Amino acid sequence: MTVGRVTIRDVAERAGVSTATVSRALSGAKPVSPAVLEQVTRAATDLGYSGNGIASALRRSRTDTVGMVVPSIANPFFTALVESVEHALQQAGRQLFLCSSRSDPAMEALRLRSLVARQVDGIVISPVHGTLSTEAVAWAAGQLPLVQVDRYVSGVTSDWVGVDDDAALRLVLDHLAGRGVRSAAFVSSTLTNSSTELRVAGFTAHTGRLGIDVAEVLLGDYSIDWGREATRRMLAAGPLPDAVVCADDLIALGVLQACAEAGVSVPRDVLVTGFDDIPYSALSDPPLTTVRQPQDEIAVEAVRLLSAALGTSRDSPAYTALTPSLVVRASTGGGSTRPR
């Protein structure tokens, strides 16, 4: 037997078969008898033989790896989504290559090209921008199976799975109307991606349906700092509306902080809602009423769609909007009716 790294020839000698038989037995490319399979497997285990996984994967025209590109791993929502996708991929026997685009379409394009060059089997992506991401996402989708999650760009032949943003805003506004809210402001990011656009549209549609006056729509970015700044602007302009609806929890946490600093009581003086139900939302002061996204379900469906695309070509991509839920906490009065 050779000294150093164990080779397929070493396994063949130990098992008393040819190297071709060892290759067939370990790769599963062609069937061998159960007795031979056991003999080869035992020899490989005894010798500590692992083989060349990369070469084997390339011969099978797959690497059992999937790339994922998200706008920011600093945002707790995307951190949790990545964890859910990684778990779902593990269940499917695949590994994850994670990339952050840092909310930069140019960086996103570089990440996509890098993943394609690494010969991943497919890509899961939450695009940065509704239009500036289109070219790179369309190119990647033309190279290999691609599933968009949470956000999406139009005009790209790929599957999408995410939350039903309109249903989410319906839950929020119906809840606030039940608390006696008659005026509301919306604090969000600039209209640069599908999620933001759909949430603003949902807010406008459901305030109109319920007869709630729209005090302001303030657009900045998904951050605590922007939530604080937006609240300061509203306070400088006059009394706050009955409620401040936020497009994500980070913004809402900033709103709560700014209200506390200004001596504005939540929920006595104003009700505040978020979106995503990140872990910090239950720990804020007061705990935040927010929309809970079904992240595990989104991840499982994204991996299922990707696996299906790897097995066959489809002319009609799937568009799957999953149902959200509303987690009611103290920032909207908990289980009690808002005092008027």
Protein backbone atom coordinates (compact mmCIF):
# COMPACT_ATOMS: atom_id res chain seq x y z
CA MET A 1 0.00 0.00 0.00
CA THR A 2 1.20 3.54 -0.74
CA VAL A 3 2.39 5.84 2.03
CA GLY A 4 0.63 9.20 2.36
CA ARG A 5 -2.74 10.02 0.84
CA VAL A 6 -4.93 6.98 0.29
CA THR A 7 -5.79 6.45 -3.37
CA ILE A 8 -8.50 4.53 -5.18
CA ARG A 9 -5.86 1.92 -6.09
CA ASP A 10 -5.22 1.32 -2.37
CA VAL A 11 -8.92 0.70 -1.83
CA ALA A 12 -9.04 -1.66 -4.80
CA GLU A 13 -6.12 -3.69 -3.46
CA ARG A 14 -7.66 -3.92 0.01
CA ALA A 15 -11.06 -4.95 -1.40
CA GLY A 16 -9.59 -7.33 -3.97
CA VAL A 17 -11.37 -5.69 -6.90
CA SER A 18 -10.43 -3.42 -9.81
CA THR A 19 -10.19 0.36 -9.54
CA ALA A 20 -13.11 0.59 -11.98
CA THR A 21 -15.26 -1.45 -9.60
CA VAL A 22 -14.31 0.80 -6.69
CA SER A 23 -15.26 3.86 -8.75
CA ARG A 24 -18.64 2.37 -9.69
CA ALA A 25 -19.37 1.31 -6.12
CA LEU A 26 -18.49 4.62 -4.46
CA SER A 27 -19.96 6.95 -7.09
CA GLY A 28 -23.16 5.00 -7.62
CA ALA A 29 -22.79 5.67 -11.34
CA LYS A 30 -23.36 1.98 -12.16
CA PRO A 31 -24.80 -0.77 -9.93
CA VAL A 32 -22.63 -3.38 -8.23
CA SER A 33 -23.72 -6.35 -6.16
CA PRO A 34 -24.50 -5.77 -2.47
CA ALA A 35 -21.58 -7.98 -1.48
CA VAL A 36 -19.10 -6.00 -3.60
CA LEU A 37 -20.54 -2.70 -2.34
CA GLU A 38 -20.07 -3.80 1.26
CA GLN A 39 -16.56 -5.04 0.52
CA VAL A 40 -15.50 -1.78 -1.14
CA THR A 41 -17.16 0.41 1.47
CA ARG A 42 -15.45 -1.45 4.30
CA ALA A 43 -12.07 -1.13 2.60
CA ALA A 44 -12.56 2.59 2.00
CA THR A 45 -13.59 3.11 5.62
CA ASP A 46 -10.69 1.11 6.99
CA LEU A 47 -8.21 3.12 4.91
CA GLY A 48 -9.85 6.49 5.50
CA TYR A 49 -10.44 7.05 1.80
CA SER A 50 -12.58 10.11 0.97
CA GLY A 51 -12.02 10.33 -2.78
CA ASN A 52 -12.07 13.47 -4.89
CA GLY A 53 -15.47 14.97 -4.21
CA ILE A 54 -14.99 17.90 -6.56
CA ALA A 55 -13.99 15.75 -9.50
CA SER A 56 -16.86 13.36 -8.80
CA ALA A 57 -19.31 16.25 -8.62
CA LEU A 58 -18.13 17.65 -11.93
CA ARG A 59 -18.48 14.23 -13.56
CA ARG A 60 -22.07 14.20 -12.31
CA SER A 61 -22.56 17.74 -13.68
CA ARG A 62 -23.40 19.11 -10.24
CA THR A 63 -21.55 20.29 -7.16
CA ASP A 64 -24.35 20.01 -4.57
CA THR A 65 -23.76 23.65 -3.67
CA VAL A 66 -26.13 26.61 -3.90
CA GLY A 67 -25.18 30.28 -3.85
CA MET A 68 -27.21 32.85 -1.95
CA VAL A 69 -26.96 36.62 -2.35
CA VAL A 70 -28.66 38.98 0.13
CA PRO A 71 -28.54 42.77 0.42
CA SER A 72 -27.10 42.74 3.94
CA ILE A 73 -26.18 40.13 6.51
CA ALA A 74 -26.22 42.90 9.15
CA ASN A 75 -30.02 43.12 8.84
CA PRO A 76 -31.48 40.55 11.28
CA PHE A 77 -34.24 39.64 8.84
CA PHE A 78 -31.78 38.48 6.19
CA THR A 79 -29.60 36.79 8.80
CA ALA A 80 -32.56 34.68 9.90
CA LEU A 81 -33.60 34.01 6.29
CA VAL A 82 -30.09 32.78 5.44
CA GLU A 83 -30.16 30.44 8.42
CA SER A 84 -33.51 29.03 7.29
CA VAL A 85 -32.30 28.53 3.72
CA GLU A 86 -29.10 26.85 4.90
CA HIS A 87 -31.12 24.44 7.05
CA ALA A 88 -33.46 23.63 4.15
CA LEU A 89 -30.51 23.04 1.84
CA GLN A 90 -28.87 20.76 4.40
CA GLN A 91 -32.03 18.69 4.47
CA ALA A 92 -31.78 18.44 0.68
CA GLY A 93 -28.12 17.36 0.83
CA ARG A 94 -26.67 20.64 -0.45
CA GLN A 95 -24.32 23.26 0.97
CA LEU A 96 -24.61 27.03 0.92
CA PHE A 97 -22.20 29.66 -0.43
CA LEU A 98 -23.30 32.98 1.11
CA CYS A 99 -22.60 36.41 -0.40
CA SER A 100 -23.61 39.88 0.74
CA SER A 101 -24.16 42.47 -1.97
CA ARG A 102 -23.92 45.29 0.60
CA SER A 103 -27.00 46.89 -0.98
CA ASP A 104 -24.88 47.72 -4.05
CA PRO A 105 -26.09 46.57 -7.50
CA ALA A 106 -22.52 46.57 -8.85
CA MET A 107 -21.31 44.38 -5.98
CA GLU A 108 -24.34 42.16 -6.49
CA ALA A 109 -23.38 41.62 -10.15
CA LEU A 110 -19.84 40.65 -9.11
CA ARG A 111 -21.18 38.19 -6.54
CA LEU A 112 -23.44 36.56 -9.11
CA ARG A 113 -20.62 36.13 -11.61
CA SER A 114 -18.40 34.67 -8.89
CA LEU A 115 -21.03 32.10 -7.94
CA VAL A 116 -21.58 31.07 -11.56
CA ALA A 117 -17.80 30.74 -12.00
CA ARG A 118 -17.71 28.47 -8.93
CA GLN A 119 -20.17 26.19 -10.73
CA VAL A 120 -22.84 26.24 -8.03
CA ASP A 121 -25.93 24.24 -8.96
CA GLY A 122 -28.27 27.18 -8.48
CA ILE A 123 -28.71 30.58 -6.85
CA VAL A 124 -31.13 32.03 -4.30
CA ILE A 125 -31.16 35.84 -4.35
CA SER A 126 -32.94 38.78 -2.78
CA PRO A 127 -32.18 41.52 -5.32
CA VAL A 128 -30.94 44.90 -4.15
CA HIS A 129 -32.79 47.10 -6.63
CA GLY A 130 -35.95 46.78 -8.67
CA THR A 131 -34.35 47.98 -11.91
CA LEU A 132 -30.58 48.28 -11.41
CA SER A 133 -30.37 44.59 -10.45
CA THR A 134 -32.31 43.36 -13.48
CA GLU A 135 -29.44 42.89 -15.93
CA ALA A 136 -27.24 40.87 -13.56
CA VAL A 137 -30.11 38.76 -12.21
CA ALA A 138 -31.36 38.03 -15.74
CA TRP A 139 -27.85 37.01 -16.81
CA ALA A 140 -27.43 34.66 -13.86
CA ALA A 141 -30.88 33.16 -14.44
CA GLY A 142 -29.79 32.42 -18.00
CA GLN A 143 -26.77 30.49 -16.72
CA LEU A 144 -28.38 28.25 -14.10
CA PRO A 145 -31.54 27.79 -12.01
CA LEU A 146 -32.30 30.87 -9.90
CA VAL A 147 -34.99 31.61 -7.31
CA GLN A 148 -35.73 35.12 -6.07
CA VAL A 149 -36.83 35.45 -2.42
CA ASP A 150 -38.49 38.29 -0.51
CA ARG A 151 -37.73 40.87 -3.22
CA TYR A 152 -37.81 40.36 -6.97
CA VAL A 153 -37.02 42.07 -10.25
CA SER A 154 -39.54 41.90 -13.07
CA GLY A 155 -38.75 40.68 -16.57
CA VAL A 156 -36.60 37.77 -15.39
CA THR A 157 -37.63 34.18 -16.05
CA SER A 158 -37.22 32.75 -12.57
CA ASP A 159 -39.26 31.55 -9.61
CA TRP A 160 -40.08 33.85 -6.70
CA VAL A 161 -41.24 33.17 -3.17
CA GLY A 162 -41.91 35.66 -0.41
CA VAL A 163 -44.56 37.13 1.82
CA ASP A 164 -47.85 38.61 0.64
CA ASP A 165 -47.12 42.28 1.38
CA ASP A 166 -50.64 43.45 0.61
CA ALA A 167 -52.10 40.91 3.04
CA ALA A 168 -49.56 42.04 5.64
CA LEU A 169 -50.61 45.68 5.42
CA ARG A 170 -54.24 44.64 5.52
CA LEU A 171 -53.56 42.88 8.85
CA VAL A 172 -51.78 45.95 10.23
CA LEU A 173 -54.36 48.51 9.17
CA ASP A 174 -57.35 46.40 10.21
CA HIS A 175 -55.73 45.99 13.62
CA LEU A 176 -55.08 49.72 13.96
CA ALA A 177 -58.61 50.60 12.85
CA GLY A 178 -59.87 48.27 15.56
CA ARG A 179 -57.79 50.29 18.05
CA GLY A 180 -59.56 53.48 17.01
CA VAL A 181 -56.85 54.86 14.74
CA ARG A 182 -58.07 57.60 12.38
CA SER A 183 -54.76 58.94 11.07
CA ALA A 184 -51.47 57.21 10.28
CA ALA A 185 -48.03 57.88 8.87
CA PHE A 186 -45.89 55.38 6.96
CA VAL A 187 -42.10 55.26 7.38
CA SER A 188 -40.22 53.18 4.84
CA SER A 189 -37.20 52.93 2.58
CA THR A 190 -36.99 54.69 -0.76
CA LEU A 191 -38.93 52.96 -3.55
CA THR A 192 -36.04 50.98 -4.98
CA ASN A 193 -37.24 47.37 -4.58
CA SER A 194 -40.41 45.34 -4.89
CA SER A 195 -41.00 44.88 -1.15
CA THR A 196 -40.87 48.61 -0.47
CA GLU A 197 -43.13 49.43 -3.40
CA LEU A 198 -45.70 46.79 -2.42
CA ARG A 199 -45.76 47.88 1.22
CA VAL A 200 -46.32 51.52 0.34
CA ALA A 201 -49.05 50.46 -2.09
CA GLY A 202 -50.64 48.27 0.58
CA PHE A 203 -50.56 51.08 3.13
CA THR A 204 -52.20 53.48 0.67
CA ALA A 205 -54.85 50.97 -0.39
CA HIS A 206 -55.90 49.87 3.09
CA THR A 207 -55.90 53.31 4.71
CA GLY A 208 -58.19 54.35 1.85
CA ARG A 209 -60.42 51.31 2.34
CA LEU A 210 -60.75 52.00 6.07
CA GLY A 211 -61.08 55.78 5.86
CA ILE A 212 -57.83 56.39 7.78
CA ASP A 213 -56.19 59.71 6.95
CA VAL A 214 -52.61 59.47 5.64
CA ALA A 215 -50.58 62.00 7.61
CA GLU A 216 -47.23 61.42 5.88
CA VAL A 217 -45.24 58.90 3.87
CA LEU A 218 -41.57 59.26 4.76
CA LEU A 219 -38.97 57.38 2.68
CA GLY A 220 -35.36 56.81 3.72
CA ASP A 221 -33.74 53.42 4.35
CA TYR A 222 -34.17 50.27 6.42
CA SER A 223 -32.34 51.37 9.57
CA ILE A 224 -32.84 52.40 13.18
CA ASP A 225 -31.22 55.76 12.42
CA TRP A 226 -33.80 56.51 9.74
CA GLY A 227 -36.64 55.62 12.10
CA ARG A 228 -35.26 58.09 14.63
CA GLU A 229 -34.78 60.82 12.02
CA ALA A 230 -38.25 60.34 10.51
CA THR A 231 -39.84 60.62 13.95
CA ARG A 232 -37.94 63.82 14.72
CA ARG A 233 -39.18 65.29 11.45
CA MET A 234 -42.79 64.41 12.29
CA LEU A 235 -42.49 65.85 15.78
CA ALA A 236 -40.98 69.07 14.41
CA ALA A 237 -43.90 69.41 11.99
CA GLY A 238 -46.56 69.09 14.69
CA PRO A 239 -48.45 66.47 16.69
CA LEU A 240 -47.94 62.86 15.68
CA PRO A 241 -50.79 60.98 13.99
CA ASP A 242 -52.65 58.25 15.84
CA ALA A 243 -50.26 55.60 14.48
CA VAL A 244 -46.89 55.23 12.78
CA VAL A 245 -46.68 52.20 10.49
CA CYS A 246 -43.14 51.08 9.65
CA ALA A 247 -41.95 49.02 6.68
CA ASP A 248 -39.55 47.00 8.83
CA ASP A 249 -38.68 46.45 12.49
CA LEU A 250 -35.40 48.36 12.38
CA ILE A 251 -37.25 51.53 11.39
CA ALA A 252 -39.87 50.86 14.07
CA LEU A 253 -37.20 50.45 16.76
CA GLY A 254 -35.82 53.85 15.77
CA VAL A 255 -39.32 55.35 16.03
CA LEU A 256 -39.72 53.91 19.54
CA GLN A 257 -36.35 55.33 20.60
CA ALA A 258 -37.13 58.80 19.27
CA CYS A 259 -40.55 58.80 20.92
CA ALA A 260 -38.99 57.88 24.26
CA GLU A 261 -36.41 60.66 23.93
CA ALA A 262 -39.16 63.20 23.17
CA GLY A 263 -41.36 62.09 26.05
CA VAL A 264 -44.00 60.65 23.70
CA SER A 265 -45.69 57.62 25.24
CA VAL A 266 -46.21 54.51 23.14
CA PRO A 267 -49.00 53.38 22.96
CA ARG A 268 -50.79 56.10 24.97
CA ASP A 269 -49.88 58.97 22.60
CA VAL A 270 -49.15 57.03 19.40
CA LEU A 271 -49.31 53.42 18.22
CA VAL A 272 -46.31 51.95 16.40
CA THR A 273 -46.05 48.84 14.21
CA GLY A 274 -43.16 47.09 12.49
CA PHE A 275 -42.61 44.39 9.88
CA ASP A 276 -40.54 41.14 9.99
CA ASP A 277 -40.68 40.16 13.68
CA ILE A 278 -36.92 40.13 14.16
CA PRO A 279 -35.82 38.90 17.62
CA TYR A 280 -35.27 42.43 18.93
CA SER A 281 -38.92 43.37 18.34
CA ALA A 282 -40.06 41.39 21.38
CA LEU A 283 -37.36 42.99 23.53
CA SER A 284 -38.00 46.65 22.70
CA ASP A 285 -39.64 49.10 25.13
CA PRO A 286 -42.52 48.68 24.65
CA PRO A 287 -42.48 45.32 22.81
CA LEU A 288 -43.33 45.87 19.16
CA THR A 289 -46.47 44.84 17.32
CA THR A 290 -45.22 43.55 13.98
CA VAL A 291 -45.86 41.39 10.93
CA ARG A 292 -44.30 37.95 11.18
CA GLN A 293 -42.90 36.60 7.94
CA PRO A 294 -43.00 32.79 7.52
CA GLN A 295 -39.22 32.59 7.00
CA ASP A 296 -38.90 28.83 7.38
CA GLU A 297 -41.69 28.27 4.88
CA ILE A 298 -40.14 30.76 2.45
CA ALA A 299 -36.81 28.93 2.71
CA VAL A 300 -38.33 25.46 2.26
CA GLU A 301 -40.33 26.59 -0.77
CA ALA A 302 -37.30 28.35 -2.31
CA VAL A 303 -35.21 25.18 -1.99
CA ARG A 304 -38.08 23.06 -3.35
CA LEU A 305 -38.45 25.34 -6.37
CA LEU A 306 -34.70 25.28 -6.94
CA SER A 307 -34.58 21.50 -6.72
CA ALA A 308 -37.47 21.24 -9.17
CA ALA A 309 -35.70 23.59 -11.59
CA LEU A 310 -32.56 21.47 -11.36
CA GLY A 311 -34.55 18.43 -12.39
CA THR A 312 -36.47 19.88 -15.31
CA SER A 313 -36.95 23.01 -17.38
CA ARG A 314 -40.19 24.95 -16.96
CA ASP A 315 -41.66 27.58 -19.23
CA SER A 316 -43.82 29.23 -16.54
CA PRO A 317 -41.97 30.34 -13.40
CA ALA A 318 -43.76 30.05 -10.07
CA TYR A 319 -44.81 33.16 -8.13
CA THR A 320 -45.56 32.16 -4.54
CA ALA A 321 -46.80 34.72 -2.00
CA LEU A 322 -47.08 33.18 1.47
CA THR A 323 -49.49 34.32 4.15
CA PRO A 324 -48.11 36.52 6.97
CA SER A 325 -49.40 36.81 10.54
CA LEU A 326 -49.65 39.72 12.95
CA VAL A 327 -47.95 39.55 16.35
CA VAL A 328 -49.75 41.99 18.66
CA ARG A 329 -47.66 43.42 21.47
CA ALA A 330 -47.69 46.45 23.76
CA SER A 331 -46.73 49.08 21.13
CA THR A 332 -50.35 49.02 19.97
CA GLY A 333 -51.90 48.49 23.37
CA GLY A 334 -51.56 44.74 23.59
CA GLY A 335 -54.94 43.12 23.99
CA SER A 336 -56.77 46.26 25.11
CA THR A 337 -58.63 48.92 23.15
CA ARG A 338 -56.64 52.09 22.69
CA PRO A 339 -57.76 54.88 25.04
CA ARG A 340 -59.19 57.81 23.18
